[in-house]
Amino acid sequence: MKLHLFEDNLSDGQRVAFGETVARAIYVTAGDVTVDGKVHACDEGFVANGPVTLVAGVEGASIWRWDLSDTPPQTPPQHSARKLSGEIPAHLAGDGSFLRLDSVSFPPSGTAMLHTHQGPGIRCLREGGIRIDTDGMSTSFGPGGAWFEAGPLPVFAQADHTIQSRFIRAMVLPDALRGKSSIHYENEEDRAKPKSQTYRNFGEIGLSL
């Protein structure tokens, strides 16, 4: 099973239907969309399973969409672009796991000290800049840049030194972490230190096979 990240750009009033998935997360990057009578404005996100139909607002809309699927998703080519995909391990690809959509914000010069997670996910930078150090490599990302973290591989994150930085992420995690942090700091001395990052949870949904 894989987690896929797409960017969708919709014209004003456009209606788009997305088909079956194991689970799905959507974050609105511009404009607004209406789903089942509820308006989701810019900088809002939600989770769902099964088919979902979006209607863009009068100024159109742009969204980031994470689809968790065991088959390659069918996407309308006129408005969708695939940004990134990542493999979900078998022990998390079914009952007993859930998909979380949240955001992680850093002040200027903020860091996430060396850490792991209990599940994989795809992050996409919303604003600012960030450097990700993992597996002997260092990669910098600007707005719209996306990266996959498998979970058990230690990661260090350094945010831009001059402005606030924030990324949006969708992660697959074990049910025991519902409503709880997934982060584990590798170094004992880091666990008691004040943390610079803050979180906003947009939603969690169990995997529907």
N, C-alpha and C. Protein backbone atom coordinates (compact mmCIF):
# COMPACT_ATOMS: atom_id res chain seq x y z
N MET A 1 0.84 -1.19 0.00
CA MET A 1 0.00 0.00 0.00
C MET A 1 0.88 1.25 0.00
N LYS A 2 0.41 2.31 -0.66
CA LYS A 2 1.18 3.54 -0.76
C LYS A 2 0.34 4.75 -0.38
N LEU A 3 1.04 5.77 0.14
CA LEU A 3 0.44 7.07 0.39
C LEU A 3 0.89 7.99 -0.74
N HIS A 4 -0.07 8.63 -1.40
CA HIS A 4 0.21 9.49 -2.54
C HIS A 4 -0.19 10.92 -2.20
N LEU A 5 0.63 11.88 -2.61
CA LEU A 5 0.30 13.29 -2.45
C LEU A 5 0.10 13.92 -3.83
N PHE A 6 -1.06 14.56 -4.01
CA PHE A 6 -1.40 15.26 -5.25
C PHE A 6 -1.64 16.73 -4.96
N GLU A 7 -1.44 17.55 -5.99
CA GLU A 7 -1.86 18.94 -5.95
C GLU A 7 -2.96 19.12 -6.99
N ASP A 8 -4.11 19.63 -6.56
CA ASP A 8 -5.26 19.82 -7.45
C ASP A 8 -5.61 21.30 -7.51
N ASN A 9 -5.79 21.81 -8.73
CA ASN A 9 -6.18 23.20 -8.94
C ASN A 9 -7.52 23.24 -9.65
N LEU A 10 -8.52 23.85 -9.00
CA LEU A 10 -9.88 23.85 -9.49
C LEU A 10 -10.30 25.26 -9.88
N SER A 11 -11.04 25.37 -10.97
CA SER A 11 -11.57 26.66 -11.40
C SER A 11 -12.81 27.02 -10.58
N ASP A 12 -13.28 28.25 -10.72
CA ASP A 12 -14.41 28.71 -9.91
C ASP A 12 -15.66 27.88 -10.18
N GLY A 13 -16.22 27.35 -9.09
CA GLY A 13 -17.43 26.55 -9.16
C GLY A 13 -17.24 25.14 -9.67
N GLN A 14 -16.00 24.73 -9.95
CA GLN A 14 -15.78 23.39 -10.51
C GLN A 14 -16.12 22.31 -9.50
N ARG A 15 -16.79 21.26 -9.97
CA ARG A 15 -17.13 20.10 -9.15
C ARG A 15 -16.23 18.94 -9.55
N VAL A 16 -15.58 18.32 -8.58
CA VAL A 16 -14.66 17.21 -8.84
C VAL A 16 -14.97 16.08 -7.87
N ALA A 17 -15.09 14.87 -8.40
CA ALA A 17 -15.33 13.69 -7.57
C ALA A 17 -14.08 12.82 -7.53
N PHE A 18 -13.65 12.47 -6.34
CA PHE A 18 -12.53 11.56 -6.15
C PHE A 18 -13.08 10.24 -5.64
N GLY A 19 -12.55 9.12 -6.17
CA GLY A 19 -13.12 7.80 -5.93
C GLY A 19 -12.65 7.14 -4.66
N GLU A 20 -12.82 5.82 -4.63
CA GLU A 20 -12.53 5.01 -3.44
C GLU A 20 -11.04 5.09 -3.05
N THR A 21 -10.82 5.17 -1.76
CA THR A 21 -9.48 5.05 -1.19
C THR A 21 -9.61 4.34 0.15
N VAL A 22 -8.49 3.89 0.69
CA VAL A 22 -8.48 3.36 2.05
C VAL A 22 -8.71 4.49 3.04
N ALA A 23 -8.08 5.64 2.79
CA ALA A 23 -8.29 6.86 3.58
C ALA A 23 -7.76 8.03 2.77
N ARG A 24 -8.23 9.23 3.11
CA ARG A 24 -7.85 10.42 2.33
C ARG A 24 -7.75 11.62 3.28
N ALA A 25 -6.80 12.51 2.98
CA ALA A 25 -6.68 13.78 3.70
C ALA A 25 -6.59 14.90 2.68
N ILE A 26 -7.26 16.01 2.96
CA ILE A 26 -7.27 17.15 2.05
C ILE A 26 -7.01 18.42 2.84
N TYR A 27 -6.09 19.25 2.31
CA TYR A 27 -5.76 20.55 2.91
C TYR A 27 -5.93 21.62 1.84
N VAL A 28 -6.64 22.70 2.16
CA VAL A 28 -6.93 23.75 1.20
C VAL A 28 -5.82 24.80 1.24
N THR A 29 -5.11 24.96 0.13
CA THR A 29 -4.00 25.91 0.08
C THR A 29 -4.42 27.27 -0.45
N ALA A 30 -5.55 27.36 -1.18
CA ALA A 30 -6.04 28.63 -1.69
C ALA A 30 -7.53 28.50 -1.99
N GLY A 31 -8.27 29.60 -1.86
CA GLY A 31 -9.70 29.56 -2.14
C GLY A 31 -10.45 28.76 -1.09
N ASP A 32 -11.54 28.12 -1.50
CA ASP A 32 -12.30 27.27 -0.58
C ASP A 32 -13.03 26.20 -1.37
N VAL A 33 -13.42 25.12 -0.68
CA VAL A 33 -14.18 24.04 -1.28
C VAL A 33 -15.34 23.69 -0.36
N THR A 34 -16.42 23.21 -0.97
CA THR A 34 -17.57 22.74 -0.21
C THR A 34 -17.70 21.23 -0.38
N VAL A 35 -17.85 20.53 0.74
CA VAL A 35 -18.00 19.07 0.75
C VAL A 35 -19.21 18.74 1.61
N ASP A 36 -20.20 18.09 1.02
CA ASP A 36 -21.42 17.71 1.74
C ASP A 36 -22.03 18.91 2.48
N GLY A 37 -22.05 20.06 1.82
CA GLY A 37 -22.66 21.26 2.39
C GLY A 37 -21.79 22.04 3.34
N LYS A 38 -20.59 21.55 3.65
CA LYS A 38 -19.70 22.25 4.58
C LYS A 38 -18.58 22.92 3.80
N VAL A 39 -18.34 24.20 4.10
CA VAL A 39 -17.28 24.95 3.43
C VAL A 39 -15.97 24.78 4.20
N HIS A 40 -14.93 24.44 3.47
CA HIS A 40 -13.57 24.36 4.03
C HIS A 40 -12.75 25.48 3.41
N ALA A 41 -12.38 26.46 4.22
CA ALA A 41 -11.68 27.64 3.73
C ALA A 41 -10.19 27.38 3.60
N CYS A 42 -9.50 28.38 3.04
CA CYS A 42 -8.04 28.30 2.94
C CYS A 42 -7.43 28.07 4.32
N ASP A 43 -6.42 27.21 4.37
CA ASP A 43 -5.69 26.84 5.58
C ASP A 43 -6.53 25.96 6.51
N GLU A 44 -7.51 25.27 5.95
CA GLU A 44 -8.24 24.26 6.69
C GLU A 44 -8.03 22.89 6.03
N GLY A 45 -8.19 21.83 6.81
CA GLY A 45 -8.03 20.48 6.28
C GLY A 45 -9.04 19.53 6.89
N PHE A 46 -9.19 18.37 6.26
CA PHE A 46 -10.11 17.37 6.78
C PHE A 46 -9.70 16.00 6.25
N VAL A 47 -10.25 14.95 6.87
CA VAL A 47 -9.96 13.57 6.48
C VAL A 47 -11.27 12.88 6.11
N ALA A 48 -11.17 11.85 5.28
CA ALA A 48 -12.35 11.11 4.82
C ALA A 48 -11.90 9.74 4.33
N ASN A 49 -12.87 8.82 4.23
CA ASN A 49 -12.62 7.58 3.49
C ASN A 49 -13.75 7.38 2.50
N GLY A 50 -13.49 6.65 1.45
CA GLY A 50 -14.47 6.49 0.40
C GLY A 50 -14.51 7.69 -0.52
N PRO A 51 -15.43 7.67 -1.47
CA PRO A 51 -15.51 8.76 -2.45
C PRO A 51 -15.85 10.10 -1.79
N VAL A 52 -15.38 11.18 -2.39
CA VAL A 52 -15.67 12.52 -1.90
C VAL A 52 -15.81 13.45 -3.09
N THR A 53 -16.79 14.36 -3.04
CA THR A 53 -17.01 15.33 -4.10
C THR A 53 -16.78 16.73 -3.56
N LEU A 54 -15.92 17.49 -4.25
CA LEU A 54 -15.59 18.85 -3.86
C LEU A 54 -16.19 19.82 -4.87
N VAL A 55 -16.66 20.96 -4.40
CA VAL A 55 -17.09 22.05 -5.26
C VAL A 55 -16.28 23.28 -4.88
N ALA A 56 -15.53 23.82 -5.85
CA ALA A 56 -14.68 24.97 -5.60
C ALA A 56 -15.52 26.23 -5.42
N GLY A 57 -15.02 27.18 -4.65
CA GLY A 57 -15.70 28.45 -4.44
C GLY A 57 -15.60 29.37 -5.64
N VAL A 58 -16.08 30.58 -5.47
CA VAL A 58 -16.19 31.52 -6.60
C VAL A 58 -14.83 31.97 -7.12
N GLU A 59 -13.80 31.83 -6.31
CA GLU A 59 -12.44 32.18 -6.75
C GLU A 59 -11.62 30.95 -7.10
N GLY A 60 -12.29 29.79 -7.22
CA GLY A 60 -11.57 28.55 -7.46
C GLY A 60 -10.93 28.05 -6.18
N ALA A 61 -10.08 27.04 -6.30
CA ALA A 61 -9.43 26.48 -5.12
C ALA A 61 -8.21 25.68 -5.55
N SER A 62 -7.26 25.61 -4.64
CA SER A 62 -6.12 24.71 -4.77
C SER A 62 -6.04 23.88 -3.50
N ILE A 63 -5.76 22.58 -3.68
CA ILE A 63 -5.69 21.69 -2.52
C ILE A 63 -4.47 20.77 -2.63
N TRP A 64 -4.01 20.33 -1.47
CA TRP A 64 -3.10 19.19 -1.41
C TRP A 64 -3.95 18.01 -0.94
N ARG A 65 -3.79 16.88 -1.63
CA ARG A 65 -4.62 15.70 -1.37
C ARG A 65 -3.74 14.47 -1.19
N TRP A 66 -3.87 13.84 -0.02
CA TRP A 66 -3.16 12.60 0.27
C TRP A 66 -4.15 11.45 0.12
N ASP A 67 -3.84 10.50 -0.74
CA ASP A 67 -4.67 9.31 -0.92
C ASP A 67 -3.87 8.08 -0.50
N LEU A 68 -4.46 7.29 0.39
CA LEU A 68 -3.86 6.03 0.82
C LEU A 68 -4.57 4.92 0.05
N SER A 69 -3.81 4.16 -0.76
CA SER A 69 -4.44 3.22 -1.67
C SER A 69 -3.53 2.04 -1.94
N ASP A 70 -4.15 0.86 -2.18
CA ASP A 70 -3.35 -0.31 -2.57
C ASP A 70 -3.30 -0.49 -4.08
N THR A 71 -3.95 0.42 -4.82
CA THR A 71 -3.84 0.46 -6.28
C THR A 71 -3.58 1.91 -6.69
N PRO A 72 -2.91 2.14 -7.82
CA PRO A 72 -2.64 3.51 -8.23
C PRO A 72 -3.93 4.29 -8.43
N PRO A 73 -4.08 5.44 -7.76
CA PRO A 73 -5.31 6.22 -7.89
C PRO A 73 -5.51 6.74 -9.31
N GLN A 74 -6.75 6.78 -9.75
CA GLN A 74 -7.10 7.38 -11.03
C GLN A 74 -7.37 8.87 -10.79
N THR A 75 -6.60 9.74 -11.41
CA THR A 75 -6.75 11.17 -11.18
C THR A 75 -7.06 11.88 -12.49
N PRO A 76 -8.03 12.78 -12.48
CA PRO A 76 -8.32 13.56 -13.69
C PRO A 76 -7.12 14.41 -14.08
N PRO A 77 -6.52 14.18 -15.23
CA PRO A 77 -5.26 14.85 -15.56
C PRO A 77 -5.39 16.35 -15.77
N GLN A 78 -6.60 16.84 -16.00
CA GLN A 78 -6.73 18.26 -16.32
C GLN A 78 -6.48 19.17 -15.13
N HIS A 79 -6.52 18.64 -13.92
CA HIS A 79 -6.32 19.53 -12.78
C HIS A 79 -5.42 18.94 -11.70
N SER A 80 -4.90 17.73 -11.85
CA SER A 80 -4.14 17.06 -10.81
C SER A 80 -2.69 16.83 -11.23
N ALA A 81 -1.81 16.95 -10.26
CA ALA A 81 -0.40 16.62 -10.46
C ALA A 81 0.08 15.83 -9.25
N ARG A 82 0.71 14.69 -9.49
CA ARG A 82 1.23 13.90 -8.39
C ARG A 82 2.55 14.50 -7.93
N LYS A 83 2.67 14.75 -6.62
CA LYS A 83 3.88 15.34 -6.07
C LYS A 83 4.84 14.29 -5.52
N LEU A 84 4.29 13.25 -4.87
CA LEU A 84 5.16 12.30 -4.18
C LEU A 84 4.34 11.09 -3.76
N SER A 85 5.01 9.93 -3.65
CA SER A 85 4.40 8.71 -3.12
C SER A 85 5.38 8.04 -2.18
N GLY A 86 4.85 7.29 -1.20
CA GLY A 86 5.69 6.57 -0.27
C GLY A 86 5.04 5.29 0.18
N GLU A 87 5.85 4.29 0.47
CA GLU A 87 5.37 2.96 0.84
C GLU A 87 4.95 2.91 2.31
N ILE A 88 3.80 2.24 2.55
CA ILE A 88 3.31 2.03 3.92
C ILE A 88 3.59 0.58 4.31
N PRO A 89 4.28 0.33 5.43
CA PRO A 89 4.60 -1.05 5.80
C PRO A 89 3.34 -1.87 6.09
N ALA A 90 3.46 -3.18 5.89
CA ALA A 90 2.30 -4.07 5.98
C ALA A 90 1.62 -4.02 7.35
N HIS A 91 2.39 -3.86 8.42
CA HIS A 91 1.79 -3.90 9.76
C HIS A 91 0.94 -2.67 10.06
N LEU A 92 1.03 -1.62 9.22
CA LEU A 92 0.22 -0.43 9.42
C LEU A 92 -0.85 -0.27 8.34
N ALA A 93 -0.90 -1.21 7.40
CA ALA A 93 -1.77 -1.04 6.23
C ALA A 93 -3.11 -1.74 6.41
N GLY A 94 -3.77 -1.52 7.56
CA GLY A 94 -5.04 -2.19 7.76
C GLY A 94 -5.68 -1.80 9.07
N ASP A 95 -6.59 -2.64 9.56
CA ASP A 95 -7.27 -2.38 10.82
C ASP A 95 -6.24 -2.17 11.93
N GLY A 96 -6.56 -1.27 12.84
CA GLY A 96 -5.63 -0.96 13.93
C GLY A 96 -4.73 0.21 13.63
N SER A 97 -4.95 0.87 12.48
CA SER A 97 -4.15 2.04 12.10
C SER A 97 -5.09 3.17 11.67
N PHE A 98 -4.55 4.37 11.62
CA PHE A 98 -5.35 5.52 11.21
C PHE A 98 -4.48 6.52 10.45
N LEU A 99 -5.16 7.41 9.72
CA LEU A 99 -4.50 8.48 8.99
C LEU A 99 -4.74 9.79 9.72
N ARG A 100 -3.67 10.52 9.99
CA ARG A 100 -3.76 11.82 10.67
C ARG A 100 -3.29 12.92 9.71
N LEU A 101 -4.02 14.03 9.69
CA LEU A 101 -3.60 15.23 8.97
C LEU A 101 -3.36 16.33 9.99
N ASP A 102 -2.16 16.90 9.98
CA ASP A 102 -1.88 18.00 10.90
C ASP A 102 -0.86 18.96 10.31
N SER A 103 -0.58 20.02 11.03
CA SER A 103 0.46 20.97 10.62
C SER A 103 1.47 21.10 11.74
N VAL A 104 2.71 21.40 11.36
CA VAL A 104 3.79 21.58 12.32
C VAL A 104 4.45 22.93 12.02
N SER A 105 4.46 23.82 13.02
CA SER A 105 4.98 25.18 12.84
C SER A 105 6.24 25.38 13.66
N PHE A 106 7.16 26.16 13.10
CA PHE A 106 8.42 26.50 13.77
C PHE A 106 8.61 28.01 13.77
N PRO A 107 9.08 28.58 14.86
CA PRO A 107 9.49 29.98 14.83
C PRO A 107 10.82 30.10 14.08
N PRO A 108 11.25 31.32 13.78
CA PRO A 108 12.58 31.45 13.15
C PRO A 108 13.65 30.72 13.97
N SER A 109 14.49 29.97 13.26
CA SER A 109 15.59 29.18 13.86
C SER A 109 15.09 28.00 14.69
N GLY A 110 13.81 27.64 14.58
CA GLY A 110 13.31 26.50 15.33
C GLY A 110 13.91 25.19 14.83
N THR A 111 13.95 24.21 15.71
CA THR A 111 14.48 22.89 15.36
C THR A 111 13.57 21.80 15.91
N ALA A 112 13.59 20.65 15.22
CA ALA A 112 13.05 19.42 15.79
C ALA A 112 14.25 18.52 16.03
N MET A 113 14.59 18.34 17.27
CA MET A 113 15.78 17.58 17.62
C MET A 113 15.66 16.14 17.15
N LEU A 114 16.80 15.46 17.08
CA LEU A 114 16.86 14.14 16.46
C LEU A 114 15.75 13.25 17.01
N HIS A 115 14.91 12.72 16.07
CA HIS A 115 13.72 12.01 16.50
C HIS A 115 13.29 10.98 15.46
N THR A 116 12.38 10.10 15.89
CA THR A 116 11.72 9.15 15.00
C THR A 116 10.21 9.27 15.20
N HIS A 117 9.45 8.56 14.34
CA HIS A 117 8.00 8.47 14.47
C HIS A 117 7.60 7.00 14.40
N GLN A 118 6.37 6.70 14.87
CA GLN A 118 5.89 5.32 14.85
C GLN A 118 5.15 4.96 13.56
N GLY A 119 5.26 5.81 12.56
CA GLY A 119 4.65 5.53 11.28
C GLY A 119 5.14 6.48 10.22
N PRO A 120 4.93 6.14 8.95
CA PRO A 120 5.42 6.95 7.84
C PRO A 120 4.44 8.06 7.48
N GLY A 121 4.93 9.02 6.71
CA GLY A 121 4.07 10.09 6.24
C GLY A 121 4.75 10.96 5.21
N ILE A 122 3.94 11.76 4.53
CA ILE A 122 4.44 12.73 3.55
C ILE A 122 4.17 14.12 4.09
N ARG A 123 5.23 14.95 4.10
CA ARG A 123 5.14 16.34 4.51
C ARG A 123 5.23 17.25 3.28
N CYS A 124 4.59 18.42 3.37
CA CYS A 124 4.69 19.41 2.30
C CYS A 124 4.78 20.78 2.95
N LEU A 125 5.82 21.55 2.59
CA LEU A 125 6.08 22.82 3.24
C LEU A 125 5.07 23.88 2.79
N ARG A 126 4.41 24.48 3.73
CA ARG A 126 3.41 25.52 3.46
C ARG A 126 4.04 26.91 3.37
N GLU A 127 4.98 27.20 4.27
CA GLU A 127 5.62 28.51 4.28
C GLU A 127 7.00 28.40 4.92
N GLY A 128 7.84 29.38 4.62
CA GLY A 128 9.17 29.42 5.20
C GLY A 128 10.15 28.52 4.47
N GLY A 129 11.05 27.93 5.22
CA GLY A 129 12.04 27.01 4.68
C GLY A 129 12.47 26.04 5.76
N ILE A 130 12.92 24.86 5.35
CA ILE A 130 13.34 23.85 6.32
C ILE A 130 14.41 22.96 5.72
N ARG A 131 15.34 22.53 6.57
CA ARG A 131 16.37 21.57 6.18
C ARG A 131 16.13 20.28 6.96
N ILE A 132 16.10 19.17 6.22
CA ILE A 132 15.87 17.86 6.82
C ILE A 132 17.15 17.04 6.71
N ASP A 133 17.68 16.62 7.86
CA ASP A 133 18.89 15.79 7.90
C ASP A 133 18.49 14.38 8.32
N THR A 134 18.77 13.40 7.46
CA THR A 134 18.45 12.01 7.77
C THR A 134 19.25 11.08 6.89
N ASP A 135 19.61 9.94 7.42
CA ASP A 135 20.30 8.90 6.66
C ASP A 135 21.55 9.43 5.97
N GLY A 136 22.28 10.31 6.64
CA GLY A 136 23.52 10.84 6.11
C GLY A 136 23.36 11.91 5.04
N MET A 137 22.12 12.35 4.79
CA MET A 137 21.87 13.37 3.77
C MET A 137 21.18 14.58 4.37
N SER A 138 21.40 15.74 3.76
CA SER A 138 20.79 16.99 4.19
C SER A 138 20.10 17.61 2.98
N THR A 139 18.78 17.86 3.10
CA THR A 139 18.00 18.39 1.98
C THR A 139 17.18 19.58 2.45
N SER A 140 17.21 20.67 1.68
CA SER A 140 16.45 21.87 2.03
C SER A 140 15.21 21.97 1.15
N PHE A 141 14.13 22.47 1.73
CA PHE A 141 12.85 22.59 1.03
C PHE A 141 12.31 24.01 1.19
N GLY A 142 11.69 24.50 0.10
CA GLY A 142 10.96 25.75 0.13
C GLY A 142 9.47 25.47 0.03
N PRO A 143 8.64 26.52 0.00
CA PRO A 143 7.19 26.33 -0.07
C PRO A 143 6.78 25.43 -1.23
N GLY A 144 5.93 24.45 -0.94
CA GLY A 144 5.50 23.48 -1.93
C GLY A 144 6.38 22.26 -2.03
N GLY A 145 7.56 22.28 -1.40
CA GLY A 145 8.44 21.12 -1.41
C GLY A 145 7.91 20.01 -0.54
N ALA A 146 7.99 18.77 -1.02
CA ALA A 146 7.42 17.63 -0.31
C ALA A 146 8.50 16.57 -0.06
N TRP A 147 8.38 15.88 1.06
CA TRP A 147 9.31 14.80 1.37
C TRP A 147 8.60 13.71 2.17
N PHE A 148 9.13 12.49 2.06
CA PHE A 148 8.58 11.32 2.73
C PHE A 148 9.50 10.94 3.88
N GLU A 149 8.91 10.65 5.03
CA GLU A 149 9.65 10.10 6.16
C GLU A 149 9.07 8.74 6.51
N ALA A 150 9.93 7.73 6.53
CA ALA A 150 9.47 6.37 6.77
C ALA A 150 9.03 6.14 8.21
N GLY A 151 9.59 6.92 9.15
CA GLY A 151 9.21 6.79 10.55
C GLY A 151 10.36 6.36 11.45
N PRO A 152 10.88 5.14 11.27
CA PRO A 152 11.92 4.66 12.20
C PRO A 152 13.30 5.25 11.97
N LEU A 153 13.53 5.91 10.83
CA LEU A 153 14.84 6.49 10.54
C LEU A 153 14.97 7.84 11.23
N PRO A 154 15.99 8.07 12.07
CA PRO A 154 16.11 9.33 12.80
C PRO A 154 16.22 10.54 11.87
N VAL A 155 15.56 11.62 12.29
CA VAL A 155 15.49 12.86 11.50
C VAL A 155 15.79 14.05 12.40
N PHE A 156 16.55 15.01 11.87
CA PHE A 156 16.75 16.31 12.52
C PHE A 156 16.24 17.38 11.55
N ALA A 157 15.45 18.34 12.07
CA ALA A 157 14.89 19.39 11.22
C ALA A 157 15.35 20.76 11.72
N GLN A 158 15.82 21.58 10.78
CA GLN A 158 16.23 22.95 11.08
C GLN A 158 15.41 23.91 10.23
N ALA A 159 14.63 24.77 10.88
CA ALA A 159 13.80 25.73 10.16
C ALA A 159 14.60 26.96 9.77
N ASP A 160 14.05 27.74 8.85
CA ASP A 160 14.65 28.98 8.39
C ASP A 160 14.96 29.89 9.58
N HIS A 161 16.07 30.63 9.48
CA HIS A 161 16.51 31.45 10.60
C HIS A 161 15.82 32.80 10.68
N THR A 162 15.10 33.20 9.63
CA THR A 162 14.58 34.57 9.59
C THR A 162 13.06 34.68 9.66
N ILE A 163 12.34 33.63 9.26
CA ILE A 163 10.88 33.70 9.21
C ILE A 163 10.28 32.42 9.77
N GLN A 164 8.97 32.49 10.10
CA GLN A 164 8.26 31.29 10.56
C GLN A 164 8.18 30.28 9.43
N SER A 165 8.24 29.00 9.79
CA SER A 165 8.12 27.91 8.82
C SER A 165 7.03 26.96 9.28
N ARG A 166 6.36 26.34 8.30
CA ARG A 166 5.27 25.43 8.65
C ARG A 166 5.10 24.40 7.54
N PHE A 167 4.91 23.14 7.94
CA PHE A 167 4.57 22.13 6.94
C PHE A 167 3.29 21.42 7.33
N ILE A 168 2.63 20.87 6.31
CA ILE A 168 1.42 20.07 6.48
C ILE A 168 1.80 18.62 6.23
N ARG A 169 1.31 17.71 7.04
CA ARG A 169 1.70 16.31 6.87
C ARG A 169 0.51 15.38 7.07
N ALA A 170 0.56 14.27 6.37
CA ALA A 170 -0.37 13.16 6.58
C ALA A 170 0.47 11.95 6.96
N MET A 171 0.10 11.29 8.06
CA MET A 171 0.85 10.16 8.58
C MET A 171 -0.07 8.99 8.85
N VAL A 172 0.46 7.78 8.66
CA VAL A 172 -0.24 6.56 9.03
C VAL A 172 0.38 6.05 10.34
N LEU A 173 -0.48 5.88 11.36
CA LEU A 173 0.01 5.57 12.70
C LEU A 173 -0.84 4.46 13.34
N PRO A 174 -0.30 3.77 14.34
CA PRO A 174 -1.09 2.76 15.07
C PRO A 174 -2.16 3.43 15.92
N ASP A 175 -3.29 2.75 16.10
CA ASP A 175 -4.43 3.31 16.81
C ASP A 175 -4.10 3.77 18.23
N ALA A 176 -3.08 3.18 18.84
CA ALA A 176 -2.71 3.57 20.21
C ALA A 176 -2.30 5.04 20.29
N LEU A 177 -2.00 5.66 19.15
CA LEU A 177 -1.55 7.06 19.15
C LEU A 177 -2.66 8.04 18.79
N ARG A 178 -3.90 7.58 18.74
CA ARG A 178 -5.01 8.51 18.46
C ARG A 178 -4.99 9.65 19.47
N GLY A 179 -4.94 10.88 18.94
CA GLY A 179 -4.94 12.05 19.80
C GLY A 179 -3.65 12.28 20.55
N LYS A 180 -2.60 11.52 20.25
CA LYS A 180 -1.33 11.62 20.97
C LYS A 180 -0.20 11.94 20.00
N SER A 181 0.90 12.45 20.54
CA SER A 181 2.08 12.73 19.73
C SER A 181 2.71 11.43 19.25
N SER A 182 3.26 11.48 18.04
CA SER A 182 3.92 10.30 17.48
C SER A 182 5.44 10.38 17.58
N ILE A 183 5.96 11.48 18.12
CA ILE A 183 7.40 11.73 18.06
C ILE A 183 8.12 11.05 19.23
N HIS A 184 9.32 10.56 18.95
CA HIS A 184 10.19 9.97 19.98
C HIS A 184 11.59 10.55 19.79
N TYR A 185 12.10 11.23 20.82
CA TYR A 185 13.43 11.84 20.73
C TYR A 185 14.49 10.79 21.02
N GLU A 186 15.48 10.76 20.16
CA GLU A 186 16.51 9.73 20.23
C GLU A 186 17.46 9.91 21.40
N ASN A 187 17.75 11.16 21.76
CA ASN A 187 18.71 11.44 22.83
C ASN A 187 17.99 11.78 24.12
N GLU A 188 18.35 11.10 25.19
CA GLU A 188 17.68 11.28 26.48
C GLU A 188 17.68 12.74 26.90
N GLU A 189 18.77 13.44 26.68
CA GLU A 189 18.87 14.83 27.14
C GLU A 189 17.93 15.77 26.40
N ASP A 190 17.48 15.37 25.21
CA ASP A 190 16.57 16.22 24.44
C ASP A 190 15.12 16.12 24.90
N ARG A 191 14.78 15.07 25.59
CA ARG A 191 13.36 14.81 25.91
C ARG A 191 12.79 15.82 26.89
N ALA A 192 13.63 16.35 27.77
CA ALA A 192 13.14 17.31 28.77
C ALA A 192 13.31 18.76 28.32
N LYS A 193 13.98 18.99 27.20
CA LYS A 193 14.20 20.36 26.72
C LYS A 193 12.91 20.95 26.17
N PRO A 194 12.75 22.29 26.27
CA PRO A 194 11.60 22.94 25.61
C PRO A 194 11.64 22.69 24.11
N LYS A 195 10.48 22.47 23.52
CA LYS A 195 10.39 22.19 22.08
C LYS A 195 9.89 23.44 21.36
N SER A 196 10.49 23.73 20.21
CA SER A 196 10.12 24.95 19.49
C SER A 196 8.92 24.76 18.59
N GLN A 197 8.61 23.52 18.18
CA GLN A 197 7.53 23.31 17.22
C GLN A 197 6.17 23.25 17.92
N THR A 198 5.13 23.69 17.20
CA THR A 198 3.75 23.60 17.68
C THR A 198 2.92 22.89 16.62
N TYR A 199 1.78 22.32 17.05
CA TYR A 199 1.00 21.44 16.18
C TYR A 199 -0.46 21.90 16.10
N ARG A 200 -1.08 21.58 14.97
CA ARG A 200 -2.52 21.76 14.79
C ARG A 200 -3.05 20.51 14.11
N ASN A 201 -3.96 19.82 14.77
CA ASN A 201 -4.51 18.57 14.24
C ASN A 201 -5.79 18.86 13.46
N PHE A 202 -5.80 18.51 12.16
CA PHE A 202 -6.99 18.73 11.34
C PHE A 202 -7.96 17.55 11.40
N GLY A 203 -7.47 16.37 11.76
CA GLY A 203 -8.38 15.23 11.83
C GLY A 203 -7.66 13.91 11.76
N GLU A 204 -8.33 12.86 12.21
CA GLU A 204 -7.82 11.49 12.17
C GLU A 204 -8.95 10.57 11.74
N ILE A 205 -8.60 9.55 10.96
CA ILE A 205 -9.63 8.62 10.50
C ILE A 205 -9.05 7.22 10.37
N GLY A 206 -9.78 6.21 10.84
CA GLY A 206 -9.34 4.83 10.74
C GLY A 206 -9.29 4.34 9.31
N LEU A 207 -8.41 3.40 9.05
CA LEU A 207 -8.28 2.87 7.69
C LEU A 207 -9.47 1.99 7.37
N SER A 208 -10.04 2.19 6.17
CA SER A 208 -11.24 1.47 5.74
C SER A 208 -10.86 0.57 4.57
N LEU A 209 -10.73 -0.73 4.84
CA LEU A 209 -10.29 -1.66 3.80
C LEU A 209 -11.48 -2.23 3.05
